[in-house]
N, C-alpha and C. Protein backbone atom coordinates (compact mmCIF):
# COMPACT_ATOMS: atom_id res chain seq x y z
N UNK A 1 0.82 -1.18 0.00
CA UNK A 1 0.00 0.00 0.00
C UNK A 1 0.88 1.26 0.00
N UNK A 2 1.70 1.44 1.01
CA UNK A 2 2.60 2.59 1.06
C UNK A 2 3.67 2.44 -0.01
N UNK A 3 4.17 1.22 -0.17
CA UNK A 3 5.20 0.98 -1.18
C UNK A 3 4.67 1.29 -2.57
N UNK A 4 3.42 0.96 -2.84
CA UNK A 4 2.83 1.26 -4.14
C UNK A 4 2.77 2.76 -4.38
N UNK A 5 2.35 3.50 -3.37
CA UNK A 5 2.26 4.96 -3.50
C UNK A 5 3.64 5.59 -3.69
N UNK A 6 4.62 5.08 -2.97
CA UNK A 6 5.99 5.60 -3.11
C UNK A 6 6.52 5.28 -4.50
N UNK A 7 6.25 4.07 -4.97
CA UNK A 7 6.71 3.67 -6.31
C UNK A 7 6.12 4.57 -7.39
N UNK A 8 4.83 4.88 -7.27
CA UNK A 8 4.19 5.77 -8.24
C UNK A 8 4.82 7.16 -8.19
N UNK A 9 5.05 7.65 -6.98
CA UNK A 9 5.66 8.99 -6.87
C UNK A 9 7.07 9.00 -7.44
N UNK A 10 7.83 7.95 -7.20
CA UNK A 10 9.19 7.89 -7.75
C UNK A 10 9.14 7.90 -9.28
N UNK A 11 8.18 7.20 -9.85
CA UNK A 11 8.03 7.21 -11.31
C UNK A 11 7.68 8.60 -11.82
N UNK A 12 6.79 9.27 -11.12
CA UNK A 12 6.39 10.62 -11.52
C UNK A 12 7.57 11.59 -11.41
N UNK A 13 8.33 11.45 -10.33
CA UNK A 13 9.48 12.33 -10.12
C UNK A 13 10.60 12.05 -11.11
N UNK A 14 10.69 10.82 -11.59
CA UNK A 14 11.76 10.46 -12.52
C UNK A 14 13.13 10.40 -11.88
N UNK A 15 13.20 9.97 -10.61
CA UNK A 15 14.47 9.96 -9.90
C UNK A 15 15.10 8.58 -9.78
N UNK A 16 14.40 7.56 -10.22
CA UNK A 16 14.91 6.20 -10.06
C UNK A 16 16.22 6.01 -10.82
N UNK A 17 16.35 6.62 -11.98
CA UNK A 17 17.58 6.47 -12.76
C UNK A 17 18.68 7.43 -12.30
N UNK A 18 18.30 8.59 -11.77
CA UNK A 18 19.31 9.57 -11.36
C UNK A 18 19.78 9.36 -9.92
N UNK A 19 18.93 8.79 -9.08
CA UNK A 19 19.28 8.53 -7.69
C UNK A 19 18.79 7.13 -7.29
N UNK A 20 19.36 6.10 -7.92
CA UNK A 20 18.83 4.75 -7.69
C UNK A 20 18.96 4.26 -6.26
N UNK A 21 20.02 4.63 -5.58
CA UNK A 21 20.20 4.18 -4.21
C UNK A 21 19.18 4.77 -3.27
N UNK A 22 18.95 6.07 -3.38
CA UNK A 22 17.96 6.72 -2.54
C UNK A 22 16.55 6.23 -2.85
N UNK A 23 16.28 6.01 -4.14
CA UNK A 23 14.96 5.50 -4.53
C UNK A 23 14.75 4.10 -3.97
N UNK A 24 15.77 3.26 -4.04
CA UNK A 24 15.67 1.90 -3.49
C UNK A 24 15.48 1.94 -1.98
N UNK A 25 16.17 2.84 -1.32
CA UNK A 25 16.03 2.97 0.13
C UNK A 25 14.61 3.41 0.50
N UNK A 26 14.05 4.32 -0.28
CA UNK A 26 12.68 4.78 -0.02
C UNK A 26 11.69 3.62 -0.17
N UNK A 27 11.89 2.82 -1.21
CA UNK A 27 11.00 1.67 -1.41
C UNK A 27 11.16 0.65 -0.29
N UNK A 28 12.39 0.44 0.16
CA UNK A 28 12.63 -0.51 1.24
C UNK A 28 11.94 -0.04 2.54
N UNK A 29 12.06 1.24 2.85
CA UNK A 29 11.39 1.79 4.02
C UNK A 29 9.87 1.66 3.89
N UNK A 30 9.36 1.94 2.71
CA UNK A 30 7.92 1.85 2.49
C UNK A 30 7.43 0.41 2.66
N UNK A 31 8.19 -0.55 2.14
CA UNK A 31 7.83 -1.96 2.30
C UNK A 31 7.86 -2.37 3.77
N UNK A 32 8.85 -1.85 4.50
CA UNK A 32 8.94 -2.16 5.93
C UNK A 32 7.72 -1.60 6.66
N UNK A 33 7.29 -0.41 6.27
CA UNK A 33 6.09 0.17 6.88
C UNK A 33 4.86 -0.67 6.57
N UNK A 34 4.78 -1.17 5.35
CA UNK A 34 3.65 -2.02 4.97
C UNK A 34 3.59 -3.30 5.79
N UNK A 35 4.75 -3.82 6.20
CA UNK A 35 4.80 -5.09 6.94
C UNK A 35 4.43 -4.93 8.41
N UNK A 36 4.50 -3.72 8.94
CA UNK A 36 4.17 -3.51 10.35
C UNK A 36 2.65 -3.50 10.51
N UNK A 37 2.15 -4.34 11.40
CA UNK A 37 0.72 -4.34 11.68
C UNK A 37 0.33 -3.05 12.38
N UNK A 38 -0.91 -2.64 12.19
CA UNK A 38 -1.39 -1.39 12.77
C UNK A 38 -1.21 -1.33 14.29
N UNK A 39 -1.39 -2.44 14.97
CA UNK A 39 -1.29 -2.45 16.42
C UNK A 39 0.12 -2.61 16.95
N UNK A 40 1.06 -2.87 16.07
CA UNK A 40 2.45 -3.11 16.49
C UNK A 40 3.23 -1.81 16.60
N UNK A 41 3.99 -1.71 17.61
CA UNK A 41 5.01 -0.69 17.84
C UNK A 41 4.79 0.64 17.12
N UNK A 42 3.98 1.50 17.68
CA UNK A 42 3.79 2.83 17.09
C UNK A 42 5.10 3.59 16.96
N UNK A 43 6.04 3.35 17.88
CA UNK A 43 7.33 4.04 17.80
C UNK A 43 8.08 3.63 16.54
N UNK A 44 8.04 2.34 16.23
CA UNK A 44 8.72 1.86 15.02
C UNK A 44 8.07 2.46 13.78
N UNK A 45 6.76 2.53 13.78
CA UNK A 45 6.04 3.14 12.66
C UNK A 45 6.44 4.61 12.49
N UNK A 46 6.52 5.29 13.62
CA UNK A 46 6.86 6.72 13.58
C UNK A 46 8.28 6.94 13.05
N UNK A 47 9.20 6.09 13.49
CA UNK A 47 10.59 6.22 13.04
C UNK A 47 10.68 5.97 11.54
N UNK A 48 10.04 4.90 11.07
CA UNK A 48 10.07 4.59 9.64
C UNK A 48 9.40 5.71 8.83
N UNK A 49 8.27 6.19 9.31
CA UNK A 49 7.57 7.27 8.61
C UNK A 49 8.43 8.52 8.52
N UNK A 50 9.12 8.84 9.61
CA UNK A 50 9.99 10.02 9.63
C UNK A 50 11.14 9.86 8.64
N UNK A 51 11.75 8.70 8.65
CA UNK A 51 12.88 8.45 7.73
C UNK A 51 12.43 8.48 6.27
N UNK A 52 11.26 7.87 6.01
CA UNK A 52 10.74 7.86 4.65
C UNK A 52 10.40 9.28 4.20
N UNK A 53 9.79 10.04 5.09
CA UNK A 53 9.45 11.43 4.77
C UNK A 53 10.70 12.23 4.42
N UNK A 54 11.73 12.10 5.22
CA UNK A 54 12.99 12.82 4.97
C UNK A 54 13.61 12.41 3.63
N UNK A 55 13.56 11.13 3.34
CA UNK A 55 14.12 10.62 2.09
C UNK A 55 13.34 11.13 0.89
N UNK A 56 12.02 11.16 1.01
CA UNK A 56 11.20 11.64 -0.10
C UNK A 56 11.42 13.13 -0.34
N UNK A 57 11.65 13.89 0.72
CA UNK A 57 11.96 15.31 0.55
C UNK A 57 13.26 15.46 -0.25
N UNK A 58 14.26 14.66 0.09
CA UNK A 58 15.53 14.71 -0.66
C UNK A 58 15.32 14.32 -2.12
N UNK A 59 14.54 13.27 -2.35
CA UNK A 59 14.31 12.82 -3.72
C UNK A 59 13.53 13.87 -4.52
N UNK A 60 12.57 14.51 -3.90
CA UNK A 60 11.82 15.57 -4.60
C UNK A 60 12.75 16.72 -4.99
N UNK A 61 13.69 17.02 -4.11
CA UNK A 61 14.65 18.09 -4.41
C UNK A 61 15.59 17.71 -5.54
N UNK A 62 15.89 16.42 -5.65
CA UNK A 62 16.80 15.93 -6.69
C UNK A 62 16.11 15.68 -8.02
N UNK A 63 14.79 15.70 -8.02
CA UNK A 63 14.03 15.39 -9.23
C UNK A 63 14.34 16.41 -10.33
N UNK A 64 14.52 15.92 -11.55
CA UNK A 64 14.73 16.86 -12.65
C UNK A 64 13.50 17.73 -12.85
N UNK A 65 13.74 18.95 -13.28
CA UNK A 65 12.63 19.87 -13.52
C UNK A 65 11.84 19.35 -14.71
N UNK A 66 10.56 19.19 -14.49
CA UNK A 66 9.69 18.74 -15.57
C UNK A 66 9.02 19.94 -16.18
N UNK A 67 9.06 19.99 -17.48
CA UNK A 67 8.47 21.13 -18.16
C UNK A 67 6.99 20.88 -18.36
N UNK A 68 6.22 21.48 -17.50
CA UNK A 68 4.78 21.42 -17.63
C UNK A 68 4.32 22.85 -17.86
N UNK A 69 3.47 23.01 -18.82
CA UNK A 69 2.99 24.34 -19.11
C UNK A 69 2.01 24.83 -18.06
N UNK A 70 2.04 26.11 -17.85
CA UNK A 70 1.05 26.71 -16.96
C UNK A 70 0.06 27.51 -17.80
N UNK A 71 -0.80 28.26 -17.17
CA UNK A 71 -1.83 29.00 -17.91
C UNK A 71 -1.21 30.06 -18.81
N UNK A 72 -0.10 30.64 -18.41
CA UNK A 72 0.57 31.63 -19.27
C UNK A 72 1.06 30.97 -20.54
N UNK A 73 1.63 29.76 -20.42
CA UNK A 73 2.07 29.02 -21.61
C UNK A 73 0.89 28.69 -22.51
N UNK A 74 -0.25 28.32 -21.92
CA UNK A 74 -1.45 28.01 -22.70
C UNK A 74 -1.91 29.23 -23.47
N UNK A 75 -1.93 30.39 -22.82
CA UNK A 75 -2.34 31.63 -23.48
C UNK A 75 -1.39 31.96 -24.62
N UNK A 76 -0.09 31.79 -24.38
CA UNK A 76 0.90 32.06 -25.42
C UNK A 76 0.70 31.16 -26.62
N UNK A 77 0.45 29.87 -26.38
CA UNK A 77 0.21 28.93 -27.49
C UNK A 77 -1.05 29.31 -28.27
N UNK A 78 -2.10 29.68 -27.56
CA UNK A 78 -3.34 30.07 -28.23
C UNK A 78 -3.12 31.32 -29.07
N UNK A 79 -2.37 32.28 -28.53
CA UNK A 79 -2.09 33.52 -29.26
C UNK A 79 -1.30 33.22 -30.53
N UNK A 80 -0.28 32.37 -30.40
CA UNK A 80 0.53 32.01 -31.57
C UNK A 80 -0.31 31.30 -32.63
N UNK A 81 -1.22 30.45 -32.18
CA UNK A 81 -2.10 29.75 -33.12
C UNK A 81 -2.99 30.75 -33.86
N UNK A 82 -3.57 31.71 -33.12
CA UNK A 82 -4.42 32.72 -33.76
C UNK A 82 -3.61 33.57 -34.74
N UNK A 83 -2.41 33.93 -34.37
CA UNK A 83 -1.56 34.74 -35.26
C UNK A 83 -1.22 33.98 -36.53
N UNK A 84 -0.91 32.70 -36.38
CA UNK A 84 -0.59 31.88 -37.56
C UNK A 84 -1.81 31.77 -38.47
N UNK A 85 -2.99 31.59 -37.89
CA UNK A 85 -4.21 31.52 -38.69
C UNK A 85 -4.47 32.85 -39.39
N UNK A 86 -4.24 33.96 -38.69
CA UNK A 86 -4.44 35.29 -39.28
C UNK A 86 -3.46 35.51 -40.42
N UNK A 87 -2.21 35.10 -40.25
CA UNK A 87 -1.22 35.25 -41.33
C UNK A 87 -1.62 34.43 -42.54
N UNK A 88 -2.13 33.22 -42.28
CA UNK A 88 -2.54 32.35 -43.38
C UNK A 88 -3.72 32.96 -44.13
N UNK A 89 -4.69 33.52 -43.40
CA UNK A 89 -5.83 34.17 -44.05
C UNK A 89 -5.37 35.39 -44.85
N UNK A 90 -4.46 36.15 -44.28
CA UNK A 90 -3.95 37.35 -44.95
C UNK A 90 -3.20 37.00 -46.23
N UNK A 91 -2.57 35.84 -46.23
CA UNK A 91 -1.81 35.41 -47.40
C UNK A 91 -2.75 34.77 -48.44
N UNK A 92 -4.03 34.65 -48.11
CA UNK A 92 -5.00 34.12 -49.07
C UNK A 92 -5.13 32.61 -49.00
N UNK A 93 -4.67 32.01 -47.95
CA UNK A 93 -4.72 30.54 -47.85
C UNK A 93 -5.86 30.05 -47.00
N UNK A 94 -7.07 30.56 -47.23
CA UNK A 94 -8.22 30.15 -46.41
C UNK A 94 -8.44 28.73 -46.64
């Protein structure tokens, strides 16, 4: 359960290839958390959760910047599309 969520986040972050050791450690911690029963040792759960949290913060910081457009980029693309269409109409290429 936790390991699955961590695995998905690692895939989204794209850090498995750039930081394989840290990614493997995060998965190992997550699997260890999954193996602890809910009623067992809250202190152990807390320690594992804290370590996993710290590791995920490091991995997020190491993640390559992903180019995702924001609303400004969307507006710019729409404007460029309209300009291209206007140029085409002006050139007689309806």
